[in-house]
Protein backbone atom coordinates (compact mmCIF):
# COMPACT_ATOMS: atom_id res chain seq x y z
CA MET A 1 150.91 106.92 69.71
CA ALA A 2 147.50 106.82 68.26
CA ALA A 3 146.60 104.01 70.41
CA VAL A 4 147.50 106.33 73.64
CA ARG A 5 145.07 108.64 72.08
CA LEU A 6 142.34 106.44 71.71
CA LYS A 7 142.46 104.75 75.24
CA ALA A 8 142.39 108.86 76.56
CA THR A 9 139.70 109.19 74.29
CA LEU A 10 137.67 106.14 75.53
CA ALA A 11 138.60 107.06 79.03
CA THR A 12 137.10 110.51 79.04
CA GLY A 13 134.21 109.41 77.09
CA LEU A 14 133.50 106.84 79.96
CA VAL A 15 134.22 109.26 82.78
CA ALA A 16 131.87 112.21 81.04
CA ALA A 17 128.95 109.10 80.64
CA GLY A 18 129.69 108.48 84.40
CA LEU A 19 129.30 111.88 85.46
CA PHE A 20 126.29 112.37 83.29
CA GLN A 21 124.44 109.46 84.81
CA PHE A 22 125.55 110.58 88.30
CA GLY A 23 124.40 114.22 87.34
CA GLN A 24 120.88 112.48 86.24
CA GLY A 25 120.47 110.62 89.76
CA VAL A 26 121.09 113.75 91.63
CA TYR A 27 118.59 115.42 89.29
CA ILE A 28 115.91 113.06 90.17
CA HIS A 29 116.54 113.06 93.85
CA ALA A 30 116.70 117.04 93.92
CA LYS A 31 113.52 117.23 91.93
CA ALA A 32 111.91 114.62 93.95
CA ALA A 33 112.64 116.71 97.08
CA LEU A 34 111.52 119.99 95.78
CA ALA A 35 108.25 118.37 94.94
CA GLN A 36 107.74 117.61 98.46
CA VAL A 37 108.55 121.02 99.70
CA LEU A 38 106.13 122.35 97.08
CA LEU A 39 103.55 119.75 97.52
CA GLU A 40 103.31 120.56 101.43
CA ARG A 41 103.24 124.46 100.85
CA ALA A 42 100.07 123.64 98.42
CA TRP A 43 98.33 121.27 100.98
CA ILE A 44 98.87 124.18 103.78
CA GLN A 45 97.59 126.84 101.44
CA THR A 46 94.38 124.10 100.87
CA LEU A 47 93.99 124.30 104.51
CA GLU A 48 93.93 127.84 104.58
CA GLY A 49 90.57 127.84 102.10
CA GLU A 50 92.41 128.01 98.66
CA THR A 51 90.73 125.87 96.21
CA GLN A 52 92.80 123.68 93.43
CA SER A 53 96.05 125.30 94.98
CA ARG A 54 98.72 124.04 92.36
CA PRO A 55 102.20 123.13 93.75
CA TRP A 56 103.77 124.40 90.84
CA ALA A 57 102.51 126.54 88.08
CA TRP A 58 102.20 124.31 85.23
CA ALA A 59 100.74 121.32 87.34
CA ASP A 60 97.67 120.02 86.30
CA THR A 61 96.34 118.57 89.66
CA TRP A 62 96.28 119.81 93.53
CA PRO A 63 96.25 118.50 96.86
CA VAL A 64 92.87 116.86 97.94
CA ALA A 65 93.88 115.09 101.12
CA ARG A 66 96.86 114.08 103.50
CA LEU A 67 97.08 110.52 104.01
CA LYS A 68 98.84 109.05 107.32
CA VAL A 69 99.58 105.20 108.45
CA PRO A 70 101.04 105.48 111.45
CA ALA A 71 101.97 102.03 111.90
CA HIS A 72 104.27 102.59 108.60
CA ASN A 73 105.66 105.77 109.43
CA VAL A 74 103.68 107.19 106.23
CA ASP A 75 102.45 110.92 105.55
CA GLN A 76 102.09 111.92 102.11
CA ILE A 77 100.00 114.57 100.08
CA VAL A 78 97.03 113.18 98.09
CA LEU A 79 96.84 114.88 94.80
CA ASP A 80 93.80 114.95 92.69
CA GLY A 81 93.64 112.48 89.61
CA GLY A 82 95.51 109.16 88.57
CA SER A 83 97.38 110.05 85.68
CA GLY A 84 101.30 109.25 85.30
CA ASN A 85 101.92 112.80 85.81
CA VAL A 86 100.37 112.99 89.28
CA LEU A 87 101.35 109.56 90.39
CA ALA A 88 104.91 110.44 89.64
CA PHE A 89 104.98 112.89 92.60
CA ALA A 90 102.40 111.67 95.11
CA PRO A 91 99.33 109.30 95.39
CA GLY A 92 96.27 110.60 93.54
CA ARG A 93 92.61 110.08 94.13
CA LEU A 94 90.81 108.16 91.16
CA GLU A 95 88.39 110.07 89.32
CA GLY A 96 84.78 109.06 89.94
CA SER A 97 85.44 108.16 93.47
CA ALA A 98 83.93 110.09 96.42
CA ALA A 99 86.19 113.44 97.52
CA PRO A 100 87.68 113.01 100.93
CA GLY A 101 85.15 113.59 103.52
CA MET A 102 82.46 113.04 101.22
CA PRO A 103 79.82 110.23 101.65
CA GLY A 104 81.18 107.40 99.70
CA ARG A 105 84.47 105.50 98.89
CA VAL A 106 87.37 107.33 98.33
CA VAL A 107 89.91 105.61 96.03
CA ILE A 108 93.76 106.38 96.08
CA SER A 109 96.09 104.95 93.64
CA GLY A 110 99.82 105.15 94.23
CA HIS A 111 103.10 103.46 92.42
CA ARG A 112 103.92 99.92 94.45
CA ASP A 113 107.87 101.04 94.19
CA THR A 114 107.29 104.43 95.86
CA HIS A 115 104.46 105.78 97.78
CA PHE A 116 102.43 102.53 98.03
CA ARG A 117 105.57 100.11 98.94
CA PHE A 118 104.29 100.18 102.19
CA LEU A 119 101.00 98.66 101.44
CA GLN A 120 102.78 95.38 100.91
CA ASP A 121 103.26 95.37 104.82
CA ILE A 122 99.84 96.43 105.76
CA ALA A 123 97.41 94.21 107.71
CA ALA A 124 93.88 94.15 108.68
CA GLY A 125 93.10 96.17 111.88
CA ASP A 126 95.99 98.98 110.66
CA TRP A 127 94.52 102.54 111.04
CA LEU A 128 94.51 105.00 108.15
CA LEU A 129 94.00 108.70 108.68
CA LEU A 130 92.57 110.94 105.88
CA GLN A 131 92.80 114.52 106.52
CA THR A 132 90.48 116.68 104.56
CA PRO A 133 91.07 120.34 102.88
CA ASP A 134 88.71 121.51 105.86
CA GLY A 135 91.28 119.98 108.16
CA GLY A 136 88.97 117.66 109.37
CA GLU A 137 90.34 113.96 110.01
CA HIS A 138 88.38 110.69 109.16
CA ARG A 139 89.74 107.28 110.35
CA PHE A 140 89.64 104.14 108.59
CA ARG A 141 90.62 100.84 110.06
CA VAL A 142 91.61 98.03 107.49
CA VAL A 143 89.67 95.32 106.98
CA ASP A 144 91.22 93.32 103.98
CA ALA A 145 94.00 93.46 101.41
CA ARG A 146 93.81 91.35 98.21
CA VAL A 147 94.90 90.74 94.57
CA ALA A 148 92.25 91.46 91.84
CA ASP A 149 92.80 90.89 88.06
CA THR A 150 91.99 93.52 85.74
CA GLY A 151 91.66 90.98 82.93
CA GLU A 152 88.60 89.00 84.55
CA GLN A 153 85.86 88.88 82.64
CA ASN A 154 83.56 91.98 83.27
CA GLY A 155 86.67 93.46 85.06
CA TYR A 156 86.59 93.22 88.95
CA LEU A 157 84.89 94.98 91.81
CA LEU A 158 87.60 97.51 92.98
CA TYR A 159 86.16 98.29 96.12
CA PRO A 160 82.43 97.60 97.99
CA PRO A 161 79.71 100.33 97.22
CA THR A 162 79.83 101.56 100.79
CA ASP A 163 81.36 104.53 102.58
CA GLY A 164 85.05 103.96 102.95
CA LEU A 165 88.61 104.11 101.72
CA THR A 166 90.62 101.92 99.15
CA LEU A 167 94.10 102.08 98.24
CA ILE A 168 95.12 100.51 95.12
CA THR A 169 98.64 99.62 93.44
CA CYS A 170 100.23 97.27 90.90
CA TYR A 171 100.97 94.06 92.06
CA PRO A 172 103.12 92.12 92.65
CA PHE A 173 105.20 94.62 94.12
CA ASP A 174 108.72 93.25 93.32
CA ALA A 175 107.93 92.99 89.36
CA VAL A 176 110.53 93.69 87.29
CA ARG A 177 108.53 94.95 84.42
CA PRO A 178 105.61 97.49 84.79
CA GLY A 179 102.11 97.15 84.24
CA GLY A 180 100.38 93.85 84.31
CA THR A 181 96.68 93.30 85.12
CA LEU A 182 97.00 92.55 88.76
CA ARG A 183 96.31 95.19 91.29
CA TYR A 184 96.94 95.27 95.33
CA LEU A 185 93.61 96.28 96.99
CA VAL A 186 93.62 97.56 100.61
CA ASN A 187 90.10 98.35 101.70
CA ALA A 188 89.30 100.24 104.91
CA GLU A 189 85.98 100.97 106.66
CA PRO A 190 85.49 104.37 108.72
CA ALA A 191 86.23 103.96 112.46
């Protein structure tokens, strides 16, 4: 009788653990879907002239651009900043780089296993379109993609000091462990 109770208790515990894990998976996907709706709404408010339209009340970021890569079916809202909190929801414009639509180089970072996974398939000649808060669309053509090591002496040149757009993510794309010193850089010039 005690063995039957133990088995029943273990079975109940395993079912509960399984349901908890399933619930976590559903929650994560539901949260991601809701975030995209809220990001889209904040982008529309930005296009209507609202500055720093936060996608949710406690957000410490706001949309600054919309990135489209037609050859790879990519259409993403770009948030301001490159912190982990920002990159969990969308690509982010790195602080210190040019604001989209302004002179200089715009640098946008994204996670290699989510928003910027498509970078592994990008090629020289691909078009990147960057919509700015005023509704303007700026076209860029990819000129190179390369791996850089952040651990090199004196750092590394993230991007050329000219007008353009650089997309950056961690490398390699199939890494089991996050982090490391390698970055994948895609440089594009105004078209």
